[in-house]
Amino acid sequence: AGMTDRILVMYAGRIVESAPTSELFERPSNP
């Protein structure tokens, strides 16, 4: 949360969401 500029979320070998850290925490757009 306090270390990264961007985050990739992976599931089953694929990236399911990619966003700047602050935006990912504010508006997650993948269940």
PDB file of all heavy atoms in Angstrom:
ATOM      1  N   ALA A   1       0.817  -1.219   0.000  1.00  0.00           N
ATOM      2  CA  ALA A   1       0.000   0.000   0.000  1.00  0.00           C
ATOM      3  C   ALA A   1       0.851   1.269   0.000  1.00  0.00           C
ATOM      4  O   ALA A   1       0.589   2.195  -0.765  1.00  0.00           O
ATOM      5  CB  ALA A   1      -0.941  -0.007   1.199  1.00  0.00           C
ATOM      6  N   GLY A   2       1.861   1.337   0.846  1.00  0.00           N
ATOM      7  CA  GLY A   2       2.646   2.554   0.966  1.00  0.00           C
ATOM      8  C   GLY A   2       3.991   2.506   0.268  1.00  0.00           C
ATOM      9  O   GLY A   2       4.813   3.404   0.455  1.00  0.00           O
ATOM     10  N   MET A   3       4.213   1.468  -0.539  1.00  0.00           N
ATOM     11  CA  MET A   3       5.538   1.290  -1.137  1.00  0.00           C
ATOM     12  C   MET A   3       5.574   1.410  -2.648  1.00  0.00           C
ATOM     13  O   MET A   3       6.616   1.700  -3.219  1.00  0.00           O
ATOM     14  CB  MET A   3       6.082  -0.102  -0.774  1.00  0.00           C
ATOM     15  CG  MET A   3       6.550  -0.234   0.649  1.00  0.00           C
ATOM     16  SD  MET A   3       7.600  -1.673   0.823  1.00  0.00           S
ATOM     17  CE  MET A   3       8.976  -1.265  -0.250  1.00  0.00           C
ATOM     18  N   THR A   4       4.458   1.155  -3.309  1.00  0.00           N
ATOM     19  CA  THR A   4       4.490   0.983  -4.757  1.00  0.00           C
ATOM     20  C   THR A   4       3.862   2.151  -5.501  1.00  0.00           C
ATOM     21  O   THR A   4       3.015   2.879  -4.979  1.00  0.00           O
ATOM     22  CB  THR A   4       3.750  -0.304  -5.157  1.00  0.00           C
ATOM     23  OG1 THR A   4       2.409  -0.246  -4.655  1.00  0.00           O
ATOM     24  CG2 THR A   4       4.438  -1.532  -4.578  1.00  0.00           C
ATOM     25  N   ASP A   5       4.281   2.311  -6.762  1.00  0.00           N
ATOM     26  CA  ASP A   5       3.674   3.302  -7.651  1.00  0.00           C
ATOM     27  C   ASP A   5       2.479   2.704  -8.384  1.00  0.00           C
ATOM     28  O   ASP A   5       1.479   3.372  -8.601  1.00  0.00           O
ATOM     29  CB  ASP A   5       4.715   3.783  -8.673  1.00  0.00           C
ATOM     30  CG  ASP A   5       5.935   4.399  -8.000  1.00  0.00           C
ATOM     31  OD1 ASP A   5       5.754   5.384  -7.267  1.00  0.00           O
ATOM     32  OD2 ASP A   5       7.060   3.883  -8.191  1.00  0.00           O
ATOM     33  N   ARG A   6       2.612   1.438  -8.784  1.00  0.00           N
ATOM     34  CA  ARG A   6       1.542   0.733  -9.488  1.00  0.00           C
ATOM     35  C   ARG A   6       1.438  -0.684  -8.942  1.00  0.00           C
ATOM     36  O   ARG A   6       2.392  -1.210  -8.364  1.00  0.00           O
ATOM     37  CB  ARG A   6       1.821   0.650 -10.998  1.00  0.00           C
ATOM     38  CG  ARG A   6       1.634   1.946 -11.756  1.00  0.00           C
ATOM     39  CD  ARG A   6       1.766   1.729 -13.253  1.00  0.00           C
ATOM     40  NE  ARG A   6       3.054   1.165 -13.623  1.00  0.00           N
ATOM     41  CZ  ARG A   6       3.216   0.033 -14.303  1.00  0.00           C
ATOM     42  NH1 ARG A   6       2.168  -0.687 -14.689  1.00  0.00           N
ATOM     43  NH2 ARG A   6       4.425  -0.401 -14.604  1.00  0.00           N
ATOM     44  N   ILE A   7       0.275  -1.306  -9.172  1.00  0.00           N
ATOM     45  CA  ILE A   7       0.045  -2.677  -8.710  1.00  0.00           C
ATOM     46  C   ILE A   7      -0.553  -3.501  -9.851  1.00  0.00           C
ATOM     47  O   ILE A   7      -1.451  -3.041 -10.560  1.00  0.00           O
ATOM     48  CB  ILE A   7      -0.902  -2.710  -7.486  1.00  0.00           C
ATOM     49  CG1 ILE A   7      -0.239  -2.045  -6.274  1.00  0.00           C
ATOM     50  CG2 ILE A   7      -1.286  -4.144  -7.136  1.00  0.00           C
ATOM     51  CD1 ILE A   7      -1.148  -1.951  -5.056  1.00  0.00           C
ATOM     52  N   LEU A   8      -0.035  -4.716 -10.021  1.00  0.00           N
ATOM     53  CA  LEU A   8      -0.633  -5.718 -10.896  1.00  0.00           C
ATOM     54  C   LEU A   8      -1.258  -6.780 -10.002  1.00  0.00           C
ATOM     55  O   LEU A   8      -0.605  -7.279  -9.086  1.00  0.00           O
ATOM     56  CB  LEU A   8       0.420  -6.382 -11.792  1.00  0.00           C
ATOM     57  CG  LEU A   8       1.352  -5.494 -12.622  1.00  0.00           C
ATOM     58  CD1 LEU A   8       2.314  -6.363 -13.421  1.00  0.00           C
ATOM     59  CD2 LEU A   8       0.562  -4.592 -13.548  1.00  0.00           C
ATOM     60  N   VAL A   9      -2.501  -7.127 -10.255  1.00  0.00           N
ATOM     61  CA  VAL A   9      -3.169  -8.196  -9.517  1.00  0.00           C
ATOM     62  C   VAL A   9      -3.223  -9.410 -10.430  1.00  0.00           C
ATOM     63  O   VAL A   9      -3.733  -9.324 -11.555  1.00  0.00           O
ATOM     64  CB  VAL A   9      -4.591  -7.783  -9.089  1.00  0.00           C
ATOM     65  CG1 VAL A   9      -5.258  -8.914  -8.309  1.00  0.00           C
ATOM     66  CG2 VAL A   9      -4.550  -6.505  -8.245  1.00  0.00           C
ATOM     67  N   MET A  10      -2.690 -10.555  -9.965  1.00  0.00           N
ATOM     68  CA  MET A  10      -2.658 -11.765 -10.785  1.00  0.00           C
ATOM     69  C   MET A  10      -3.578 -12.837 -10.228  1.00  0.00           C
ATOM     70  O   MET A  10      -3.740 -12.976  -9.003  1.00  0.00           O
ATOM     71  CB  MET A  10      -1.229 -12.313 -10.886  1.00  0.00           C
ATOM     72  CG  MET A  10      -0.302 -11.450 -11.716  1.00  0.00           C
ATOM     73  SD  MET A  10       1.281 -12.268 -12.113  1.00  0.00           S
ATOM     74  CE  MET A  10       0.723 -13.568 -13.247  1.00  0.00           C
ATOM     75  N   TYR A  11      -4.168 -13.587 -11.152  1.00  0.00           N
ATOM     76  CA  TYR A  11      -5.025 -14.716 -10.781  1.00  0.00           C
ATOM     77  C   TYR A  11      -4.939 -15.750 -11.895  1.00  0.00           C
ATOM     78  O   TYR A  11      -5.098 -15.419 -13.079  1.00  0.00           O
ATOM     79  CB  TYR A  11      -6.481 -14.261 -10.597  1.00  0.00           C
ATOM     80  CG  TYR A  11      -7.389 -15.336 -10.052  1.00  0.00           C
ATOM     81  CD1 TYR A  11      -7.410 -15.631  -8.693  1.00  0.00           C
ATOM     82  CD2 TYR A  11      -8.230 -16.070 -10.890  1.00  0.00           C
ATOM     83  CE1 TYR A  11      -8.233 -16.617  -8.178  1.00  0.00           C
ATOM     84  CE2 TYR A  11      -9.058 -17.061 -10.389  1.00  0.00           C
ATOM     85  CZ  TYR A  11      -9.057 -17.333  -9.023  1.00  0.00           C
ATOM     86  OH  TYR A  11      -9.871 -18.309  -8.519  1.00  0.00           O
ATOM     87  N   ALA A  12      -4.674 -16.995 -11.540  1.00  0.00           N
ATOM     88  CA  ALA A  12      -4.637 -18.103 -12.498  1.00  0.00           C
ATOM     89  C   ALA A  12      -3.709 -17.821 -13.672  1.00  0.00           C
ATOM     90  O   ALA A  12      -4.032 -18.116 -14.823  1.00  0.00           O
ATOM     91  CB  ALA A  12      -6.044 -18.423 -12.993  1.00  0.00           C
ATOM     92  N   GLY A  13      -2.558 -17.222 -13.381  1.00  0.00           N
ATOM     93  CA  GLY A  13      -1.541 -17.023 -14.419  1.00  0.00           C
ATOM     94  C   GLY A  13      -1.729 -15.800 -15.283  1.00  0.00           C
ATOM     95  O   GLY A  13      -0.962 -15.591 -16.233  1.00  0.00           O
ATOM     96  N   ARG A  14      -2.726 -14.963 -14.971  1.00  0.00           N
ATOM     97  CA  ARG A  14      -2.991 -13.775 -15.776  1.00  0.00           C
ATOM     98  C   ARG A  14      -3.089 -12.527 -14.901  1.00  0.00           C
ATOM     99  O   ARG A  14      -3.393 -12.620 -13.709  1.00  0.00           O
ATOM    100  CB  ARG A  14      -4.298 -13.925 -16.557  1.00  0.00           C
ATOM    101  CG  ARG A  14      -4.244 -14.979 -17.665  1.00  0.00           C
ATOM    102  CD  ARG A  14      -5.587 -15.085 -18.346  1.00  0.00           C
ATOM    103  NE  ARG A  14      -5.562 -16.039 -19.442  1.00  0.00           N
ATOM    104  CZ  ARG A  14      -5.308 -15.726 -20.710  1.00  0.00           C
ATOM    105  NH1 ARG A  14      -5.041 -14.470 -21.033  1.00  0.00           N
ATOM    106  NH2 ARG A  14      -5.314 -16.653 -21.657  1.00  0.00           N
ATOM    107  N   ILE A  15      -2.854 -11.374 -15.509  1.00  0.00           N
ATOM    108  CA  ILE A  15      -3.097 -10.107 -14.825  1.00  0.00           C
ATOM    109  C   ILE A  15      -4.590  -9.811 -14.954  1.00  0.00           C
ATOM    110  O   ILE A  15      -5.124  -9.722 -16.066  1.00  0.00           O
ATOM    111  CB  ILE A  15      -2.269  -8.966 -15.447  1.00  0.00           C
ATOM    112  CG1 ILE A  15      -0.776  -9.223 -15.229  1.00  0.00           C
ATOM    113  CG2 ILE A  15      -2.668  -7.623 -14.836  1.00  0.00           C
ATOM    114  CD1 ILE A  15       0.138  -8.279 -15.985  1.00  0.00           C
ATOM    115  N   VAL A  16      -5.281  -9.667 -13.806  1.00  0.00           N
ATOM    116  CA  VAL A  16      -6.720  -9.399 -13.843  1.00  0.00           C
ATOM    117  C   VAL A  16      -7.031  -7.926 -13.581  1.00  0.00           C
ATOM    118  O   VAL A  16      -8.134  -7.464 -13.895  1.00  0.00           O
ATOM    119  CB  VAL A  16      -7.495 -10.291 -12.847  1.00  0.00           C
ATOM    120  CG1 VAL A  16      -7.352 -11.756 -13.234  1.00  0.00           C
ATOM    121  CG2 VAL A  16      -7.048 -10.068 -11.410  1.00  0.00           C
ATOM    122  N   GLU A  17      -6.076  -7.207 -12.997  1.00  0.00           N
ATOM    123  CA  GLU A  17      -6.245  -5.756 -12.850  1.00  0.00           C
ATOM    124  C   GLU A  17      -4.878  -5.108 -12.728  1.00  0.00           C
ATOM    125  O   GLU A  17      -3.959  -5.651 -12.113  1.00  0.00           O
ATOM    126  CB  GLU A  17      -7.125  -5.397 -11.643  1.00  0.00           C
ATOM    127  CG  GLU A  17      -7.469  -3.917 -11.605  1.00  0.00           C
ATOM    128  CD  GLU A  17      -8.681  -3.574 -10.735  1.00  0.00           C
ATOM    129  OE1 GLU A  17      -9.176  -4.470 -10.008  1.00  0.00           O
ATOM    130  OE2 GLU A  17      -9.129  -2.416 -10.788  1.00  0.00           O
ATOM    131  N   SER A  18      -4.767  -3.929 -13.322  1.00  0.00           N
ATOM    132  CA  SER A  18      -3.526  -3.161 -13.299  1.00  0.00           C
ATOM    133  C   SER A  18      -3.889  -1.699 -13.139  1.00  0.00           C
ATOM    134  O   SER A  18      -4.714  -1.180 -13.907  1.00  0.00           O
ATOM    135  CB  SER A  18      -2.742  -3.375 -14.597  1.00  0.00           C
ATOM    136  OG  SER A  18      -1.669  -2.456 -14.705  1.00  0.00           O
ATOM    137  N   ALA A  19      -3.289  -1.021 -12.138  1.00  0.00           N
ATOM    138  CA  ALA A  19      -3.649   0.378 -11.893  1.00  0.00           C
ATOM    139  C   ALA A  19      -2.606   1.039 -10.998  1.00  0.00           C
ATOM    140  O   ALA A  19      -1.875   0.354 -10.273  1.00  0.00           O
ATOM    141  CB  ALA A  19      -5.026   0.469 -11.241  1.00  0.00           C
ATOM    142  N   PRO A  20      -2.527   2.383 -11.028  1.00  0.00           N
ATOM    143  CA  PRO A  20      -1.723   3.083 -10.014  1.00  0.00           C
ATOM    144  C   PRO A  20      -2.227   2.701  -8.627  1.00  0.00           C
ATOM    145  O   PRO A  20      -3.431   2.470  -8.432  1.00  0.00           O
ATOM    146  CB  PRO A  20      -1.987   4.562 -10.323  1.00  0.00           C
ATOM    147  CG  PRO A  20      -2.370   4.592 -11.770  1.00  0.00           C
ATOM    148  CD  PRO A  20      -3.137   3.315 -11.994  1.00  0.00           C
ATOM    149  N   THR A  21      -1.332   2.641  -7.667  1.00  0.00           N
ATOM    150  CA  THR A  21      -1.673   2.124  -6.335  1.00  0.00           C
ATOM    151  C   THR A  21      -2.870   2.848  -5.712  1.00  0.00           C
ATOM    152  O   THR A  21      -3.818   2.213  -5.231  1.00  0.00           O
ATOM    153  CB  THR A  21      -0.458   2.215  -5.403  1.00  0.00           C
ATOM    154  OG1 THR A  21       0.608   1.443  -5.968  1.00  0.00           O
ATOM    155  CG2 THR A  21      -0.774   1.683  -4.018  1.00  0.00           C
ATOM    156  N   SER A  22      -2.836   4.170  -5.707  1.00  0.00           N
ATOM    157  CA  SER A  22      -3.918   4.918  -5.057  1.00  0.00           C
ATOM    158  C   SER A  22      -5.260   4.651  -5.736  1.00  0.00           C
ATOM    159  O   SER A  22      -6.287   4.491  -5.067  1.00  0.00           O
ATOM    160  CB  SER A  22      -3.612   6.423  -5.080  1.00  0.00           C
ATOM    161  OG  SER A  22      -3.432   6.874  -6.418  1.00  0.00           O
ATOM    162  N   GLU A  23      -5.252   4.554  -7.076  1.00  0.00           N
ATOM    163  CA  GLU A  23      -6.501   4.316  -7.796  1.00  0.00           C
ATOM    164  C   GLU A  23      -7.031   2.910  -7.558  1.00  0.00           C
ATOM    165  O   GLU A  23      -8.239   2.693  -7.467  1.00  0.00           O
ATOM    166  CB  GLU A  23      -6.293   4.554  -9.295  1.00  0.00           C
ATOM    167  CG  GLU A  23      -7.578   4.506 -10.093  1.00  0.00           C
ATOM    168  CD  GLU A  23      -7.411   5.019 -11.516  1.00  0.00           C
ATOM    169  OE1 GLU A  23      -6.493   5.820 -11.751  1.00  0.00           O
ATOM    170  OE2 GLU A  23      -8.216   4.611 -12.371  1.00  0.00           O
ATOM    171  N   LEU A  24      -6.121   1.940  -7.456  1.00  0.00           N
ATOM    172  CA  LEU A  24      -6.552   0.565  -7.205  1.00  0.00           C
ATOM    173  C   LEU A  24      -7.254   0.459  -5.860  1.00  0.00           C
ATOM    174  O   LEU A  24      -8.268  -0.241  -5.723  1.00  0.00           O
ATOM    175  CB  LEU A  24      -5.357  -0.389  -7.246  1.00  0.00           C
ATOM    176  CG  LEU A  24      -5.730  -1.872  -7.204  1.00  0.00           C
ATOM    177  CD1 LEU A  24      -5.886  -2.392  -8.635  1.00  0.00           C
ATOM    178  CD2 LEU A  24      -4.692  -2.701  -6.474  1.00  0.00           C
ATOM    179  N   PHE A  25      -6.736   1.152  -4.849  1.00  0.00           N
ATOM    180  CA  PHE A  25      -7.354   1.099  -3.529  1.00  0.00           C
ATOM    181  C   PHE A  25      -8.668   1.877  -3.491  1.00  0.00           C
ATOM    182  O   PHE A  25      -9.590   1.497  -2.768  1.00  0.00           O
ATOM    183  CB  PHE A  25      -6.383   1.645  -2.470  1.00  0.00           C
ATOM    184  CG  PHE A  25      -5.395   0.627  -1.977  1.00  0.00           C
ATOM    185  CD1 PHE A  25      -4.271   0.310  -2.720  1.00  0.00           C
ATOM    186  CD2 PHE A  25      -5.581  -0.035  -0.777  1.00  0.00           C
ATOM    187  CE1 PHE A  25      -3.355  -0.643  -2.286  1.00  0.00           C
ATOM    188  CE2 PHE A  25      -4.690  -0.983  -0.318  1.00  0.00           C
ATOM    189  CZ  PHE A  25      -3.573  -1.290  -1.082  1.00  0.00           C
ATOM    190  N   GLU A  26      -8.759   2.954  -4.268  1.00  0.00           N
ATOM    191  CA  GLU A  26      -9.965   3.778  -4.256  1.00  0.00           C
ATOM    192  C   GLU A  26     -11.071   3.208  -5.143  1.00  0.00           C
ATOM    193  O   GLU A  26     -12.242   3.288  -4.801  1.00  0.00           O
ATOM    194  CB  GLU A  26      -9.620   5.200  -4.729  1.00  0.00           C
ATOM    195  CG  GLU A  26      -8.778   5.990  -3.737  1.00  0.00           C
ATOM    196  CD  GLU A  26      -8.236   7.271  -4.354  1.00  0.00           C
ATOM    197  OE1 GLU A  26      -8.636   7.595  -5.493  1.00  0.00           O
ATOM    198  OE2 GLU A  26      -7.411   7.934  -3.700  1.00  0.00           O
ATOM    199  N   ARG A  27     -10.677   2.631  -6.311  1.00  0.00           N
ATOM    200  CA  ARG A  27     -11.689   2.161  -7.267  1.00  0.00           C
ATOM    201  C   ARG A  27     -11.318   0.795  -7.822  1.00  0.00           C
ATOM    202  O   ARG A  27     -11.039   0.652  -9.013  1.00  0.00           O
ATOM    203  CB  ARG A  27     -11.836   3.160  -8.418  1.00  0.00           C
ATOM    204  CG  ARG A  27     -12.197   4.549  -7.981  1.00  0.00           C
ATOM    205  CD  ARG A  27     -12.470   5.444  -9.173  1.00  0.00           C
ATOM    206  NE  ARG A  27     -13.780   5.186  -9.754  1.00  0.00           N
ATOM    207  CZ  ARG A  27     -14.345   5.969 -10.674  1.00  0.00           C
ATOM    208  NH1 ARG A  27     -13.719   7.033 -11.104  1.00  0.00           N
ATOM    209  NH2 ARG A  27     -15.527   5.677 -11.162  1.00  0.00           N
ATOM    210  N   PRO A  28     -11.290  -0.235  -6.985  1.00  0.00           N
ATOM    211  CA  PRO A  28     -11.024  -1.581  -7.524  1.00  0.00           C
ATOM    212  C   PRO A  28     -12.118  -1.947  -8.516  1.00  0.00           C
ATOM    213  O   PRO A  28     -13.303  -1.770  -8.228  1.00  0.00           O
ATOM    214  CB  PRO A  28     -11.062  -2.464  -6.277  1.00  0.00           C
ATOM    215  CG  PRO A  28     -11.909  -1.710  -5.291  1.00  0.00           C
ATOM    216  CD  PRO A  28     -11.638  -0.265  -5.555  1.00  0.00           C
ATOM    217  N   SER A  29     -11.716  -2.443  -9.688  1.00  0.00           N
ATOM    218  CA  SER A  29     -12.689  -2.681 -10.751  1.00  0.00           C
ATOM    219  C   SER A  29     -12.693  -4.130 -11.211  1.00  0.00           C
ATOM    220  O   SER A  29     -13.035  -4.437 -12.351  1.00  0.00           O
ATOM    221  CB  SER A  29     -12.414  -1.737 -11.929  1.00  0.00           C
ATOM    222  OG  SER A  29     -12.489  -0.403 -11.493  1.00  0.00           O
ATOM    223  N   ASN A  30     -12.280  -5.003 -10.311  1.00  0.00           N
ATOM    224  CA  ASN A  30     -12.342  -6.432 -10.559  1.00  0.00           C
ATOM    225  C   ASN A  30     -12.777  -7.101  -9.263  1.00  0.00           C
ATOM    226  O   ASN A  30     -12.249  -6.772  -8.191  1.00  0.00           O
ATOM    227  CB  ASN A  30     -10.977  -6.959 -11.007  1.00  0.00           C
ATOM    228  CG  ASN A  30     -11.043  -8.403 -11.461  1.00  0.00           C
ATOM    229  OD1 ASN A  30     -11.146  -9.323 -10.652  1.00  0.00           O
ATOM    230  ND2 ASN A  30     -10.989  -8.611 -12.776  1.00  0.00           N
ATOM    231  N   PRO A  31     -13.736  -8.017  -9.294  1.00  0.00           N
ATOM    232  CA  PRO A  31     -14.207  -8.642  -8.051  1.00  0.00           C
ATOM    233  C   PRO A  31     -13.100  -9.330  -7.254  1.00  0.00           C
ATOM    234  O   PRO A  31     -13.160  -9.362  -6.020  1.00  0.00           O
ATOM    235  CB  PRO A  31     -15.255  -9.650  -8.547  1.00  0.00           C
ATOM    236  CG  PRO A  31     -15.739  -9.079  -9.837  1.00  0.00           C
ATOM    237  CD  PRO A  31     -14.537  -8.436 -10.469  1.00  0.00           C
TER     238      PRO A  31
END
